Amino acid sequence: MRKALLLADDAADIGEVPVGAVVVVNNEIVGRGFNQTRLLCDPFAHAEVMAVRDAATSLAQYRLTGATLYVTIEPCLMCCGALQHARIDRLVYGAREPKTGAVVSVIDSLMDASAQHRVAISEGVLVDECEQRMQDFFKALR
C-alpha cells in the first residue's frame, strides 16, 4: 500500500485526484498506475485500470489469476468490473469512497451473487494516510 500511496502522490503532482494502485503477483509488483484521466483525456484512466493494464502487459496475459490489487481508495463500479474481468483474486484498499465506491459504500458489486468472478476484499489498510491525501487535495482546490 505504501507504493500505491507514492503513486497517489504522483497523481496529485500533476493535478489528478490522488489515487494510486499496484498489482502484486507472488510478492512482486507487476503493475503500477495512478489517476490520469485529465492528463490523457481518458475517462477510463483510473489508477486501478492503469495498474491492471500495466500488469497484463508485463505478464503478457489478460487474466491476472493469483493477483492482488492494492489501491488507496475504494474502487468505482467501472474499476470493480475491470477487476472481475481480469480475474483479480484479491482487492486491498485504504479508504472508502462514499460517493462512488462500488465495493461497500454505494453498492457491493464484487460480492453480488450473480457475479461470475468474486474478489476477496480487505479494507482500511493505511486508511488515515489514504484519507489525508484526498482531503489535502480537495482542500487545496477550494
Protein backbone atom coordinates (compact mmCIF):
# COMPACT_ATOMS: atom_id res chain seq x y z
CA MET A 1 0.00 0.00 0.00
CA ARG A 2 2.92 2.33 0.61
CA LYS A 3 3.89 2.03 -3.08
CA ALA A 4 0.30 2.86 -4.04
CA LEU A 5 0.45 5.94 -1.80
CA LEU A 6 3.58 7.13 -3.62
CA LEU A 7 1.72 6.73 -6.91
CA ALA A 8 -1.18 8.72 -5.46
CA ASP A 9 1.33 11.50 -4.79
CA ASP A 10 2.40 11.30 -8.45
CA ALA A 11 -1.24 11.83 -9.45
CA ALA A 12 -1.60 14.83 -7.14
CA ASP A 13 1.63 16.33 -8.51
CA ILE A 14 0.04 16.58 -11.97
CA GLY A 15 -3.33 17.83 -10.72
CA GLU A 16 -5.12 14.49 -10.76
CA VAL A 17 -7.23 13.08 -7.92
CA PRO A 18 -4.62 11.33 -5.74
CA VAL A 19 -5.37 7.66 -6.23
CA GLY A 20 -2.59 5.12 -6.73
CA ALA A 21 -2.64 1.37 -7.33
CA VAL A 22 -0.28 -1.57 -7.69
CA VAL A 23 -0.86 -5.16 -8.81
CA VAL A 24 1.14 -7.80 -6.95
CA VAL A 25 1.77 -11.41 -8.00
CA ASN A 26 3.99 -13.68 -5.92
CA ASN A 27 5.05 -10.75 -3.71
CA GLU A 28 6.29 -8.79 -6.74
CA ILE A 29 4.79 -5.62 -8.16
CA VAL A 30 3.86 -6.38 -11.76
CA GLY A 31 1.64 -3.36 -12.45
CA ARG A 32 1.51 0.27 -11.39
CA GLY A 33 -0.99 3.02 -12.00
CA PHE A 34 -2.31 6.36 -10.84
CA ASN A 35 -5.19 8.54 -11.94
CA GLN A 36 -4.52 10.16 -15.31
CA THR A 37 -7.98 10.96 -16.63
CA ARG A 38 -7.26 14.65 -17.19
CA LEU A 39 -3.72 14.19 -18.46
CA LEU A 40 -4.72 11.56 -21.03
CA CYS A 41 -8.24 12.95 -21.70
CA ASP A 42 -9.39 9.41 -20.94
CA PRO A 43 -12.34 8.75 -18.62
CA PHE A 44 -11.08 5.18 -18.17
CA ALA A 45 -7.60 6.16 -16.94
CA HIS A 46 -8.33 5.43 -13.28
CA ALA A 47 -5.46 4.17 -11.13
CA GLU A 48 -6.89 0.66 -10.94
CA VAL A 49 -7.37 0.32 -14.70
CA MET A 50 -3.90 1.69 -15.38
CA ALA A 51 -2.33 -0.77 -12.91
CA VAL A 52 -4.28 -3.73 -14.32
CA ARG A 53 -3.33 -2.74 -17.89
CA ASP A 54 0.32 -2.47 -16.85
CA ALA A 55 0.23 -5.87 -15.13
CA ALA A 56 -1.46 -7.54 -18.09
CA THR A 57 1.16 -6.11 -20.44
CA SER A 58 4.10 -7.06 -18.23
CA LEU A 59 2.78 -10.61 -17.76
CA ALA A 60 1.59 -10.90 -21.38
CA GLN A 61 -1.82 -12.17 -20.26
CA TYR A 62 -5.15 -10.53 -19.65
CA ARG A 63 -6.27 -12.91 -16.90
CA LEU A 64 -4.50 -12.00 -13.67
CA THR A 65 -5.42 -15.01 -11.56
CA GLY A 66 -3.40 -15.01 -8.37
CA ALA A 67 -3.00 -11.23 -8.37
CA THR A 68 -3.77 -8.75 -5.61
CA LEU A 69 -4.62 -5.13 -6.38
CA TYR A 70 -3.67 -2.56 -3.74
CA VAL A 71 -5.38 0.80 -4.20
CA THR A 72 -5.59 3.83 -1.94
CA ILE A 73 -9.33 4.47 -2.41
CA GLU A 74 -12.34 2.16 -2.78
CA PRO A 75 -12.85 1.42 -6.49
CA CYS A 76 -15.78 2.71 -8.53
CA LEU A 77 -18.15 0.44 -10.45
CA MET A 78 -16.08 0.63 -13.66
CA CYS A 79 -12.92 -0.39 -11.84
CA CYS A 80 -14.71 -3.21 -10.00
CA GLY A 81 -15.84 -4.51 -13.38
CA ALA A 82 -12.25 -4.38 -14.62
CA LEU A 83 -11.09 -6.38 -11.58
CA GLN A 84 -13.69 -9.05 -12.28
CA HIS A 85 -12.87 -9.27 -15.98
CA ALA A 86 -9.14 -9.52 -15.22
CA ARG A 87 -9.89 -12.21 -12.61
CA ILE A 88 -8.01 -10.37 -9.85
CA ASP A 89 -8.12 -12.63 -6.79
CA ARG A 90 -7.89 -10.02 -4.05
CA LEU A 91 -8.53 -6.32 -3.58
CA VAL A 92 -6.89 -4.37 -0.76
CA TYR A 93 -7.87 -0.73 -0.39
CA GLY A 94 -7.30 2.07 2.06
CA ALA A 95 -10.23 4.47 2.41
CA ARG A 96 -13.86 4.23 1.43
CA GLU A 97 -15.26 6.46 -1.31
CA PRO A 98 -18.71 7.48 -0.07
CA LYS A 99 -19.92 8.95 -3.38
CA THR A 100 -18.83 6.37 -5.96
CA GLY A 101 -17.38 3.41 -4.06
CA ALA A 102 -18.70 0.17 -5.53
CA VAL A 103 -17.25 -2.27 -3.00
CA VAL A 104 -19.23 -1.32 0.12
CA SER A 105 -20.07 2.40 0.09
CA VAL A 106 -22.70 2.74 -2.65
CA ILE A 107 -23.11 -0.86 -3.85
CA ASP A 108 -21.28 -4.12 -3.23
CA SER A 109 -20.62 -5.11 -6.82
CA LEU A 110 -17.79 -7.54 -6.13
CA MET A 111 -19.83 -9.87 -3.93
CA ASP A 112 -23.02 -9.90 -5.96
CA ALA A 113 -24.43 -13.42 -6.08
CA SER A 114 -24.68 -13.27 -9.87
CA ALA A 115 -21.03 -12.26 -10.34
CA GLN A 116 -19.10 -14.66 -12.50
CA HIS A 117 -15.92 -13.98 -10.52
CA ARG A 118 -15.69 -12.97 -6.89
CA VAL A 119 -12.85 -10.94 -5.46
CA ALA A 120 -11.66 -11.27 -1.85
CA ILE A 121 -11.69 -7.87 -0.16
CA SER A 122 -9.64 -6.22 2.60
CA GLU A 123 -10.25 -2.60 3.51
CA GLY A 124 -8.80 0.02 5.81
CA VAL A 125 -5.10 -0.54 5.11
CA LEU A 126 -3.28 2.73 5.93
CA VAL A 127 -6.70 4.36 5.90
CA ASP A 128 -5.58 7.57 7.63
CA GLU A 129 -2.84 8.22 5.08
CA CYS A 130 -5.17 7.44 2.18
CA GLU A 131 -7.90 9.74 3.51
CA GLN A 132 -5.42 12.52 4.25
CA ARG A 133 -4.21 12.65 0.66
CA MET A 134 -7.76 13.04 -0.60
CA GLN A 135 -8.60 15.68 2.00
CA ASP A 136 -5.44 17.68 1.25
CA PHE A 137 -6.06 17.54 -2.50
CA PHE A 138 -9.66 18.74 -2.34
CA LYS A 139 -8.90 21.34 0.33
CA ALA A 140 -6.27 22.86 -2.00
CA LEU A 141 -8.86 23.08 -4.80
CA ARG A 142 -11.20 25.16 -2.68
